[in-house]
């Protein structure tokens, strides 16, 4: 099964943070799962580091792609199809990064692993 991680799910997973649900962790670690992270998530992390809202235990350039490679997490690029989908999304959720992740999940037809219940207002499946 394919899954798209929300940004916080990726950060909690690589930090081994207990805020990640046990079922989310099981899905990520399941050898039959294909796990993806959006380019939007990496962009969000980079911006938050730059403005001082996020600190990582390793430099960004060391943590990524090392952790992604180690865990077999693939980067899901933002496509024109994703942006077309984005233009049609209702404004239930105002966060631009989350909106891109939602649009990608819809276009790719894959569930999101994440805690944000606002995702449930869209035509996506959310695992947590």
N, C-alpha and C. Protein backbone atom coordinates (compact mmCIF):
# COMPACT_ATOMS: atom_id res chain seq x y z
N UNK A 1 0.84 -1.18 0.00
CA UNK A 1 0.00 0.00 0.00
C UNK A 1 0.88 1.24 0.00
N UNK A 2 0.45 2.27 -0.68
CA UNK A 2 1.17 3.54 -0.76
C UNK A 2 0.57 4.53 0.23
N UNK A 3 1.45 5.33 0.87
CA UNK A 3 1.02 6.34 1.83
C UNK A 3 1.83 7.61 1.65
N UNK A 4 1.19 8.74 1.89
CA UNK A 4 1.84 10.04 1.86
C UNK A 4 1.89 10.58 3.28
N UNK A 5 3.09 10.88 3.76
CA UNK A 5 3.23 11.39 5.13
C UNK A 5 2.93 12.88 5.18
N UNK A 6 2.20 13.30 6.20
CA UNK A 6 2.10 14.71 6.49
C UNK A 6 3.44 15.12 7.12
N UNK A 7 3.73 16.40 7.07
CA UNK A 7 5.03 16.90 7.53
C UNK A 7 5.33 16.49 8.97
N UNK A 8 4.37 16.70 9.86
CA UNK A 8 4.62 16.36 11.26
C UNK A 8 4.84 14.86 11.45
N UNK A 9 4.18 14.04 10.67
CA UNK A 9 4.37 12.59 10.79
C UNK A 9 5.81 12.21 10.43
N UNK A 10 6.35 12.84 9.39
CA UNK A 10 7.75 12.59 9.02
C UNK A 10 8.68 13.02 10.15
N UNK A 11 8.48 14.24 10.65
CA UNK A 11 9.36 14.75 11.70
C UNK A 11 9.29 13.89 12.96
N UNK A 12 8.10 13.49 13.35
CA UNK A 12 7.95 12.65 14.54
C UNK A 12 8.54 11.27 14.31
N UNK A 13 8.41 10.75 13.09
CA UNK A 13 8.96 9.43 12.79
C UNK A 13 10.48 9.44 12.89
N UNK A 14 11.12 10.40 12.24
CA UNK A 14 12.59 10.38 12.25
C UNK A 14 13.16 10.76 13.62
N UNK A 15 12.39 11.50 14.42
CA UNK A 15 12.83 11.86 15.77
C UNK A 15 12.45 10.80 16.80
N UNK A 16 11.73 9.75 16.36
CA UNK A 16 11.22 8.72 17.26
C UNK A 16 10.38 9.35 18.38
N UNK A 17 9.60 10.34 18.00
CA UNK A 17 8.74 11.08 18.92
C UNK A 17 7.47 10.29 19.20
N UNK A 18 7.10 10.22 20.45
CA UNK A 18 5.91 9.46 20.86
C UNK A 18 4.60 10.10 20.40
N UNK A 19 4.67 11.32 19.84
CA UNK A 19 3.46 11.95 19.32
C UNK A 19 2.96 11.23 18.06
N UNK A 20 3.85 10.50 17.39
CA UNK A 20 3.43 9.69 16.24
C UNK A 20 2.61 8.52 16.77
N UNK A 21 1.43 8.33 16.21
CA UNK A 21 0.58 7.24 16.68
C UNK A 21 1.25 5.90 16.42
N UNK A 22 0.91 4.92 17.23
CA UNK A 22 1.49 3.59 17.04
C UNK A 22 1.04 2.98 15.71
N UNK A 23 -0.21 3.25 15.31
CA UNK A 23 -0.66 2.71 14.01
C UNK A 23 0.04 3.42 12.86
N UNK A 24 0.29 4.71 12.98
CA UNK A 24 1.05 5.43 11.96
C UNK A 24 2.46 4.88 11.84
N UNK A 25 3.09 4.65 12.96
CA UNK A 25 4.44 4.10 12.95
C UNK A 25 4.46 2.70 12.32
N UNK A 26 3.46 1.88 12.66
CA UNK A 26 3.39 0.53 12.08
C UNK A 26 3.26 0.60 10.56
N UNK A 27 2.42 1.51 10.06
CA UNK A 27 2.24 1.63 8.62
C UNK A 27 3.55 2.06 7.94
N UNK A 28 4.25 3.00 8.56
CA UNK A 28 5.51 3.48 7.98
C UNK A 28 6.55 2.37 7.97
N UNK A 29 6.61 1.59 9.03
CA UNK A 29 7.63 0.54 9.15
C UNK A 29 7.27 -0.75 8.42
N UNK A 30 6.02 -0.90 8.02
CA UNK A 30 5.58 -2.11 7.32
C UNK A 30 6.34 -2.25 6.01
N UNK A 31 7.01 -3.36 5.84
CA UNK A 31 7.84 -3.55 4.64
C UNK A 31 7.02 -3.58 3.35
N UNK A 32 5.72 -3.79 3.45
CA UNK A 32 4.90 -3.79 2.24
C UNK A 32 4.39 -2.38 1.90
N UNK A 33 4.65 -1.40 2.77
CA UNK A 33 4.21 -0.03 2.53
C UNK A 33 5.22 0.72 1.67
N UNK A 34 4.70 1.51 0.74
CA UNK A 34 5.52 2.47 -0.01
C UNK A 34 5.21 3.84 0.61
N UNK A 35 6.23 4.47 1.17
CA UNK A 35 6.04 5.71 1.89
C UNK A 35 6.62 6.87 1.08
N UNK A 36 5.81 7.94 0.99
CA UNK A 36 6.20 9.13 0.24
C UNK A 36 6.14 10.35 1.14
N UNK A 37 6.97 11.33 0.83
CA UNK A 37 6.91 12.64 1.46
C UNK A 37 6.84 13.66 0.33
N UNK A 38 6.01 14.64 0.51
CA UNK A 38 5.83 15.68 -0.51
C UNK A 38 7.01 16.65 -0.52
N UNK A 39 7.33 17.13 -1.71
CA UNK A 39 8.28 18.22 -1.83
C UNK A 39 7.80 19.40 -0.97
N UNK A 40 6.49 19.57 -0.88
CA UNK A 40 5.92 20.65 -0.07
C UNK A 40 6.33 20.51 1.40
N UNK A 41 6.41 19.30 1.90
CA UNK A 41 6.81 19.08 3.30
C UNK A 41 8.27 19.48 3.51
N UNK A 42 9.12 19.09 2.58
CA UNK A 42 10.53 19.46 2.71
C UNK A 42 10.70 20.97 2.61
N UNK A 43 9.92 21.60 1.76
CA UNK A 43 9.93 23.05 1.62
C UNK A 43 9.46 23.69 2.93
N UNK A 44 8.39 23.15 3.51
CA UNK A 44 7.87 23.67 4.78
C UNK A 44 8.92 23.57 5.88
N UNK A 45 9.59 22.43 5.97
CA UNK A 45 10.62 22.23 6.98
C UNK A 45 11.76 23.24 6.79
N UNK A 46 12.20 23.41 5.56
CA UNK A 46 13.28 24.35 5.26
C UNK A 46 12.90 25.78 5.66
N UNK A 47 11.68 26.18 5.36
CA UNK A 47 11.22 27.52 5.72
C UNK A 47 11.17 27.68 7.23
N UNK A 48 10.63 26.69 7.93
CA UNK A 48 10.52 26.78 9.39
C UNK A 48 11.90 26.83 10.05
N UNK A 49 12.87 26.11 9.51
CA UNK A 49 14.24 26.19 10.02
C UNK A 49 14.77 27.61 9.79
N UNK A 50 14.58 28.13 8.60
CA UNK A 50 15.10 29.43 8.22
C UNK A 50 14.56 30.56 9.08
N UNK A 51 13.29 30.49 9.45
CA UNK A 51 12.70 31.57 10.25
C UNK A 51 12.79 31.30 11.75
N UNK A 52 13.41 30.19 12.12
CA UNK A 52 13.64 29.90 13.53
C UNK A 52 12.50 29.22 14.25
N UNK A 53 11.54 28.66 13.50
CA UNK A 53 10.41 27.97 14.12
C UNK A 53 10.61 26.47 14.27
N UNK A 54 11.74 25.96 13.81
CA UNK A 54 12.01 24.53 13.89
C UNK A 54 13.51 24.31 14.03
N UNK A 55 13.87 23.44 14.94
CA UNK A 55 15.27 23.04 15.11
C UNK A 55 15.33 21.52 14.97
N UNK A 56 16.28 21.06 14.20
CA UNK A 56 16.48 19.62 14.01
C UNK A 56 17.74 19.19 14.74
N UNK A 57 17.86 17.89 15.01
CA UNK A 57 19.04 17.40 15.72
C UNK A 57 20.26 17.28 14.81
N UNK A 58 20.07 17.43 13.50
CA UNK A 58 21.15 17.43 12.52
C UNK A 58 20.83 18.52 11.50
N UNK A 59 21.85 19.02 10.81
CA UNK A 59 21.58 20.01 9.75
C UNK A 59 20.66 19.42 8.68
N UNK A 60 19.81 20.28 8.12
CA UNK A 60 18.85 19.87 7.10
C UNK A 60 19.53 19.06 6.00
N UNK A 61 20.66 19.58 5.50
CA UNK A 61 21.34 18.94 4.38
C UNK A 61 21.92 17.57 4.74
N UNK A 62 22.08 17.31 6.01
CA UNK A 62 22.54 15.99 6.45
C UNK A 62 21.36 15.08 6.73
N UNK A 63 20.34 15.63 7.38
CA UNK A 63 19.17 14.82 7.74
C UNK A 63 18.41 14.35 6.50
N UNK A 64 18.32 15.25 5.53
CA UNK A 64 17.65 14.91 4.26
C UNK A 64 18.72 14.99 3.17
N UNK A 65 18.99 14.01 2.41
CA UNK A 65 18.17 12.83 2.19
C UNK A 65 18.55 11.59 3.00
N UNK A 66 19.52 11.69 3.93
CA UNK A 66 19.98 10.50 4.66
C UNK A 66 18.85 9.71 5.30
N UNK A 67 17.97 10.38 6.06
CA UNK A 67 16.87 9.68 6.73
C UNK A 67 15.88 9.11 5.72
N UNK A 68 15.63 9.86 4.66
CA UNK A 68 14.70 9.37 3.64
C UNK A 68 15.26 8.11 2.99
N UNK A 69 16.54 8.15 2.63
CA UNK A 69 17.18 6.97 2.02
C UNK A 69 17.18 5.79 2.99
N UNK A 70 17.54 6.04 4.24
CA UNK A 70 17.64 4.97 5.23
C UNK A 70 16.30 4.26 5.42
N UNK A 71 15.21 5.03 5.41
CA UNK A 71 13.88 4.45 5.65
C UNK A 71 13.13 4.14 4.36
N UNK A 72 13.75 4.38 3.21
CA UNK A 72 13.10 4.08 1.93
C UNK A 72 11.93 4.99 1.64
N UNK A 73 11.97 6.22 2.13
CA UNK A 73 10.89 7.19 1.89
C UNK A 73 11.20 7.94 0.61
N UNK A 74 10.24 7.92 -0.31
CA UNK A 74 10.43 8.56 -1.61
C UNK A 74 9.83 9.96 -1.62
N UNK A 75 10.46 10.85 -2.38
CA UNK A 75 9.96 12.21 -2.51
C UNK A 75 8.92 12.24 -3.63
N UNK A 76 7.77 12.82 -3.32
CA UNK A 76 6.69 12.97 -4.29
C UNK A 76 6.70 14.42 -4.77
N UNK A 77 7.05 14.61 -6.03
CA UNK A 77 7.13 15.95 -6.59
C UNK A 77 5.76 16.55 -6.83
N UNK A 78 5.72 17.85 -6.85
CA UNK A 78 4.50 18.59 -7.15
C UNK A 78 4.40 18.69 -8.68
N UNK A 79 3.28 18.22 -9.22
CA UNK A 79 3.09 18.22 -10.67
C UNK A 79 2.03 19.24 -11.06
N UNK A 80 1.92 19.48 -12.35
CA UNK A 80 0.87 20.36 -12.86
C UNK A 80 -0.49 19.80 -12.48
N UNK A 81 -0.67 18.49 -12.55
CA UNK A 81 -1.94 17.88 -12.15
C UNK A 81 -2.28 18.20 -10.69
N UNK A 82 -1.25 18.19 -9.83
CA UNK A 82 -1.45 18.54 -8.43
C UNK A 82 -1.92 19.98 -8.30
N UNK A 83 -1.30 20.87 -9.06
CA UNK A 83 -1.65 22.29 -8.99
C UNK A 83 -3.04 22.55 -9.55
N UNK A 84 -3.41 21.80 -10.58
CA UNK A 84 -4.77 21.91 -11.11
C UNK A 84 -5.77 21.49 -10.03
N UNK A 85 -5.48 20.38 -9.35
CA UNK A 85 -6.35 19.91 -8.26
C UNK A 85 -6.41 20.95 -7.15
N UNK A 86 -5.29 21.56 -6.85
CA UNK A 86 -5.22 22.57 -5.80
C UNK A 86 -6.16 23.74 -6.08
N UNK A 87 -6.28 24.11 -7.35
CA UNK A 87 -7.14 25.25 -7.70
C UNK A 87 -8.61 24.97 -7.46
N UNK A 88 -8.98 23.70 -7.33
CA UNK A 88 -10.39 23.34 -7.15
C UNK A 88 -10.74 22.97 -5.71
N UNK A 89 -9.75 22.92 -4.83
CA UNK A 89 -10.03 22.51 -3.44
C UNK A 89 -10.82 23.58 -2.70
N UNK A 90 -11.85 23.16 -1.98
CA UNK A 90 -12.53 24.11 -1.09
C UNK A 90 -11.56 24.60 -0.02
N UNK A 91 -11.83 25.76 0.53
CA UNK A 91 -10.92 26.36 1.51
C UNK A 91 -11.21 25.91 2.94
N UNK A 92 -11.44 24.62 3.13
CA UNK A 92 -11.64 24.09 4.48
C UNK A 92 -10.37 24.26 5.31
N UNK A 93 -9.24 24.12 4.67
CA UNK A 93 -7.93 24.18 5.31
C UNK A 93 -7.15 25.31 4.65
N UNK A 94 -6.60 26.21 5.43
CA UNK A 94 -5.93 27.39 4.88
C UNK A 94 -4.42 27.23 4.76
N UNK A 95 -3.84 26.22 5.39
CA UNK A 95 -2.39 26.05 5.33
C UNK A 95 -1.96 25.64 3.92
N UNK A 96 -1.12 26.44 3.26
CA UNK A 96 -0.77 26.13 1.87
C UNK A 96 -0.01 24.82 1.69
N UNK A 97 0.81 24.46 2.66
CA UNK A 97 1.54 23.20 2.56
C UNK A 97 0.60 22.01 2.69
N UNK A 98 -0.31 22.09 3.65
CA UNK A 98 -1.28 21.01 3.81
C UNK A 98 -2.19 20.90 2.60
N UNK A 99 -2.54 22.02 2.02
CA UNK A 99 -3.40 22.00 0.83
C UNK A 99 -2.68 21.30 -0.34
N UNK A 100 -1.39 21.54 -0.48
CA UNK A 100 -0.62 20.84 -1.52
C UNK A 100 -0.56 19.33 -1.25
N UNK A 101 -0.37 18.96 0.01
CA UNK A 101 -0.34 17.55 0.38
C UNK A 101 -1.69 16.89 0.09
N UNK A 102 -2.76 17.57 0.42
CA UNK A 102 -4.11 17.06 0.14
C UNK A 102 -4.30 16.88 -1.36
N UNK A 103 -3.92 17.89 -2.14
CA UNK A 103 -4.06 17.80 -3.60
C UNK A 103 -3.24 16.63 -4.15
N UNK A 104 -2.04 16.44 -3.65
CA UNK A 104 -1.22 15.31 -4.11
C UNK A 104 -1.88 13.99 -3.77
N UNK A 105 -2.41 13.86 -2.58
CA UNK A 105 -3.07 12.61 -2.17
C UNK A 105 -4.27 12.32 -3.07
N UNK A 106 -5.01 13.35 -3.41
CA UNK A 106 -6.17 13.16 -4.30
C UNK A 106 -5.71 12.71 -5.68
N UNK A 107 -4.75 13.43 -6.25
CA UNK A 107 -4.26 13.11 -7.60
C UNK A 107 -3.65 11.71 -7.65
N UNK A 108 -2.88 11.37 -6.65
CA UNK A 108 -2.19 10.07 -6.62
C UNK A 108 -3.10 8.94 -6.13
N UNK A 109 -4.22 9.29 -5.50
CA UNK A 109 -5.12 8.28 -4.97
C UNK A 109 -4.53 7.51 -3.81
N UNK A 110 -3.80 8.22 -2.95
CA UNK A 110 -3.17 7.54 -1.81
C UNK A 110 -3.58 8.20 -0.50
N UNK A 111 -3.66 7.41 0.58
CA UNK A 111 -4.00 7.97 1.89
C UNK A 111 -2.85 8.77 2.47
N UNK A 112 -3.21 9.65 3.38
CA UNK A 112 -2.24 10.46 4.12
C UNK A 112 -2.10 9.89 5.52
N UNK A 113 -0.87 9.78 5.99
CA UNK A 113 -0.63 9.45 7.38
C UNK A 113 -0.41 10.78 8.09
N UNK A 114 -1.37 11.15 8.95
CA UNK A 114 -1.25 12.42 9.64
C UNK A 114 -2.33 12.60 10.68
N UNK A 115 -2.09 13.52 11.58
CA UNK A 115 -2.98 13.75 12.72
C UNK A 115 -4.07 14.77 12.42
N UNK A 116 -3.87 15.62 11.44
CA UNK A 116 -4.75 16.76 11.18
C UNK A 116 -6.13 16.33 10.70
N UNK A 117 -7.13 16.47 11.56
CA UNK A 117 -8.49 16.05 11.24
C UNK A 117 -9.14 16.92 10.17
N UNK A 118 -8.59 18.09 9.90
CA UNK A 118 -9.13 18.95 8.83
C UNK A 118 -8.98 18.27 7.47
N UNK A 119 -8.05 17.35 7.35
CA UNK A 119 -7.88 16.61 6.09
C UNK A 119 -9.14 15.80 5.77
N UNK A 120 -9.88 15.42 6.82
CA UNK A 120 -11.07 14.60 6.64
C UNK A 120 -12.19 15.35 5.92
N UNK A 121 -12.07 16.65 5.80
CA UNK A 121 -13.07 17.45 5.08
C UNK A 121 -12.90 17.35 3.56
N UNK A 122 -11.83 16.68 3.14
CA UNK A 122 -11.54 16.52 1.72
C UNK A 122 -11.72 15.06 1.30
N UNK A 123 -11.67 14.84 0.02
CA UNK A 123 -11.85 13.50 -0.54
C UNK A 123 -10.54 12.71 -0.49
N UNK A 124 -10.02 12.56 0.72
CA UNK A 124 -8.79 11.78 0.95
C UNK A 124 -9.01 10.87 2.14
N UNK A 125 -8.30 9.77 2.14
CA UNK A 125 -8.32 8.88 3.30
C UNK A 125 -7.15 9.26 4.18
N UNK A 126 -7.39 9.35 5.47
CA UNK A 126 -6.36 9.70 6.43
C UNK A 126 -6.19 8.55 7.42
N UNK A 127 -4.96 8.17 7.63
CA UNK A 127 -4.62 7.13 8.61
C UNK A 127 -3.95 7.81 9.79
N UNK A 128 -4.32 7.37 10.97
CA UNK A 128 -3.63 7.86 12.16
C UNK A 128 -3.75 6.83 13.26
